[in-house]
């Protein structure tokens, strides 16, 4: 007896919560993977994508991956530009530690974003190991990272 009625908006919100938890609390990733597998089986509507948990989750992973990758590329360009500007103003080659200040960002938010990106990849790899996602998805992620 199932007295709870799932609808597309509820399933989307549930997916968002599971995604956020799975990508930020990787210590419990095994539990989140089991939860995802259960929802993959329960909500597998091929005709209505809004009721297909697997498609919802993979779309979220993909959007988040590219969003975080773009941010990382922008931060890298900014750090490189700052370092080049500093080198033009002052000969930093005399002090090895000064250029390193431009390479490592101390901002807590930045670290959390990186952790979430790695969590996203761990989630995808674990789903791949259970044959819930194709190897092409993993290959694409790795190609983009390199």
Protein backbone atom coordinates (compact mmCIF):
# COMPACT_ATOMS: atom_id res chain seq x y z
CA UNK A 1 0.00 0.00 0.00
CA UNK A 2 1.55 3.26 -1.18
CA UNK A 3 -0.32 6.29 0.15
CA UNK A 4 2.23 8.79 -1.19
CA UNK A 5 1.71 10.26 -4.66
CA UNK A 6 4.84 11.38 -6.48
CA UNK A 7 4.52 14.10 -9.08
CA UNK A 8 7.17 15.67 -11.36
CA UNK A 9 7.90 18.68 -9.14
CA UNK A 10 8.28 16.49 -6.04
CA UNK A 11 10.57 14.08 -7.90
CA UNK A 12 12.71 16.97 -9.14
CA UNK A 13 13.06 18.39 -5.62
CA UNK A 14 13.92 14.94 -4.28
CA UNK A 15 16.56 14.53 -6.98
CA UNK A 16 18.07 17.95 -6.11
CA UNK A 17 18.32 17.03 -2.44
CA UNK A 18 19.90 13.64 -3.15
CA UNK A 19 22.31 15.20 -5.66
CA UNK A 20 23.37 17.90 -3.20
CA UNK A 21 23.85 15.41 -0.38
CA UNK A 22 25.66 12.85 -2.55
CA UNK A 23 28.10 15.41 -3.95
CA UNK A 24 28.88 17.16 -0.67
CA UNK A 25 28.74 14.29 1.83
CA UNK A 26 30.85 11.71 0.04
CA UNK A 27 31.37 9.73 3.24
CA UNK A 28 27.80 8.50 2.77
CA UNK A 29 28.04 8.08 -1.00
CA UNK A 30 27.32 4.33 -0.84
CA UNK A 31 23.97 5.02 0.81
CA UNK A 32 23.06 7.72 -1.69
CA UNK A 33 23.98 5.38 -4.56
CA UNK A 34 21.65 2.69 -3.17
CA UNK A 35 18.92 5.30 -2.86
CA UNK A 36 19.49 6.41 -6.46
CA UNK A 37 19.38 2.84 -7.75
CA UNK A 38 16.04 2.32 -6.00
CA UNK A 39 14.64 5.50 -7.53
CA UNK A 40 16.04 4.54 -10.95
CA UNK A 41 13.98 1.36 -10.79
CA UNK A 42 10.85 2.97 -9.34
CA UNK A 43 10.77 6.04 -11.60
CA UNK A 44 11.76 4.86 -15.07
CA UNK A 45 9.16 6.49 -17.33
CA UNK A 46 10.66 6.58 -20.83
CA UNK A 47 7.90 8.79 -22.24
CA UNK A 48 7.78 11.40 -19.48
CA UNK A 49 11.31 12.57 -18.69
CA UNK A 50 10.11 14.52 -15.67
CA UNK A 51 9.21 11.17 -14.07
CA UNK A 52 12.49 9.45 -15.00
CA UNK A 53 14.79 9.77 -11.99
CA UNK A 54 17.87 8.57 -13.88
CA UNK A 55 17.47 11.22 -16.59
CA UNK A 56 16.77 13.93 -14.02
CA UNK A 57 19.87 13.04 -12.01
CA UNK A 58 22.17 12.70 -15.02
CA UNK A 59 20.99 16.03 -16.43
CA UNK A 60 21.68 17.65 -13.05
CA UNK A 61 25.15 16.07 -12.90
CA UNK A 62 25.94 17.27 -16.41
CA UNK A 63 24.75 20.84 -15.80
CA UNK A 64 26.65 21.06 -12.52
CA UNK A 65 29.79 19.57 -14.04
CA UNK A 66 29.95 22.11 -16.87
CA UNK A 67 29.04 24.99 -14.57
CA UNK A 68 31.86 24.10 -12.17
CA UNK A 69 34.31 23.45 -15.02
CA UNK A 70 33.58 26.87 -16.50
CA UNK A 71 34.11 28.54 -13.11
CA UNK A 72 37.41 26.72 -12.67
CA UNK A 73 38.61 27.80 -16.12
CA UNK A 74 37.69 31.44 -15.37
CA UNK A 75 39.51 31.31 -12.00
CA UNK A 76 42.57 29.80 -13.68
CA UNK A 77 42.66 32.57 -16.30
CA UNK A 78 42.25 35.24 -13.58
CA UNK A 79 45.08 33.76 -11.48
CA UNK A 80 47.32 33.50 -14.54
CA UNK A 81 46.58 37.12 -15.50
CA UNK A 82 47.27 38.29 -11.92
CA UNK A 83 50.54 36.42 -11.85
CA UNK A 84 51.63 37.81 -15.22
CA UNK A 85 50.71 41.33 -14.11
CA UNK A 86 52.70 40.92 -10.89
CA UNK A 87 55.68 39.60 -12.82
CA UNK A 88 55.61 42.66 -15.05
CA UNK A 89 55.51 45.03 -12.05
CA UNK A 90 58.13 43.29 -9.94
CA UNK A 91 60.70 40.58 -10.52
CA UNK A 92 59.03 37.84 -8.48
CA UNK A 93 61.48 35.23 -9.66
CA UNK A 94 63.69 36.23 -6.74
CA UNK A 95 61.09 35.08 -4.22
CA UNK A 96 59.63 31.64 -4.96
CA UNK A 97 56.72 32.02 -2.51
CA UNK A 98 55.22 35.15 -4.06
CA UNK A 99 54.05 33.51 -7.31
CA UNK A 100 52.52 30.70 -5.29
CA UNK A 101 50.16 33.21 -3.66
CA UNK A 102 48.45 33.61 -7.03
CA UNK A 103 48.10 29.87 -7.62
CA UNK A 104 46.35 28.86 -4.41
CA UNK A 105 43.05 30.55 -3.65
CA UNK A 106 42.22 30.61 0.09
CA UNK A 107 38.50 31.29 -0.30
CA UNK A 108 36.35 28.71 1.53
CA UNK A 109 33.57 28.94 -1.05
CA UNK A 110 36.00 28.01 -3.81
CA UNK A 111 37.11 24.92 -1.89
CA UNK A 112 33.52 23.85 -1.32
CA UNK A 113 32.79 24.24 -5.03
CA UNK A 114 35.78 22.09 -5.91
CA UNK A 115 34.72 19.49 -3.36
CA UNK A 116 31.28 19.40 -4.94
CA UNK A 117 32.77 18.95 -8.41
CA UNK A 118 34.84 16.02 -7.17
CA UNK A 119 31.75 14.69 -5.40
CA UNK A 120 29.88 14.92 -8.68
CA UNK A 121 32.58 12.86 -10.39
CA UNK A 122 32.59 10.29 -7.57
CA UNK A 123 28.82 9.96 -7.89
CA UNK A 124 29.10 9.39 -11.64
CA UNK A 125 31.89 6.82 -11.22
CA UNK A 126 29.93 4.88 -8.60
CA UNK A 127 26.85 4.84 -10.86
CA UNK A 128 29.07 3.70 -13.73
CA UNK A 129 30.44 0.83 -11.63
CA UNK A 130 26.85 -0.33 -11.07
CA UNK A 131 26.23 -0.03 -14.84
CA UNK A 132 23.66 2.73 -14.25
CA UNK A 133 25.43 5.21 -16.55
CA UNK A 134 27.33 4.60 -19.76
CA UNK A 135 31.07 4.78 -20.18
CA UNK A 136 30.61 7.61 -22.68
CA UNK A 137 29.52 9.92 -19.87
CA UNK A 138 32.66 9.18 -17.86
CA UNK A 139 34.82 9.53 -20.98
CA UNK A 140 33.29 12.92 -21.77
CA UNK A 141 33.87 14.15 -18.21
CA UNK A 142 37.52 13.06 -18.28
CA UNK A 143 38.10 14.63 -21.69
CA UNK A 144 36.66 17.93 -20.45
CA UNK A 145 38.77 17.84 -17.30
CA UNK A 146 41.96 17.30 -19.31
